[in-house]
Amino acid sequence: MFSGIIEDVGMIAKAEEREGGLRLTVAAESLDMSDVKIGDSIAVNGVCLTAVEIGSRTFVADVSVETLNCTTGLEKQGSHVNLEKALRLSDRLGGHLVSGHVDGVGEVVAFNDIGDSWRLIVRAPHALVKYIAAKGSVAVNGVSLTVNRVAGDEFEMNLIPHTLDATTLNELKQGLQVNLEIDLIARYVERMMTADQE
């Protein structure tokens, strides 16, 4: 589990094709790797990956074809990525509960400076919109954000300067794709409501 509070902005140092997916080497500029061991989970742009090799400032993770088919932003060598280590039970939960299981890929409709913050509008896959609510939480490329408004398949958020400084969201622009994870509670509520109808 993760919180959506990004700990470091890293880079895909190497993306090697392998049978069944990719092997990524991720460089982490300031992420403390001293407590990370092989088998630990690290969220990369909101995607929960398992560390299979660990260096002092890098880690290696394998990405399956299935993961690549339902996410974006992992395959491009040299791209910046948001990084977060898995939570410990003693950690503060500053964002919201994030599983690292991406639900779909959205598209940036608008990203505008509105003075003291930036307004981000994302178009979600139609099947996901019912899980996104005003004043609810959503993870965009692994970053926990609060939804301000939902209209049709689009939802809007405000990003404060700290979020832009501490994440890759400052690189967004119209037309770019982003990883989306809906709130866990919404997913389970729907399951409970529809279980008897199956």
Foldseek 3Di string as FASTA:
>chain_A
DFQQPFDFKWFFQDWDDDVFFTKTKIFTDDDQCVPPDFQFWKQWLLATFTFHADDRGITITTDGPVRVVFFDDPRDGGDITTIDGDDDPPDDNPAADGDNRFPHKWFWAAWADPDQWIKTKIFTDQVCLVLADAQFWKRWRSHIFGWHDDDRRMTMGIGGPVNCVHGVPVVDGGGDMITIDGHPVSVVVVCVVCVVVD
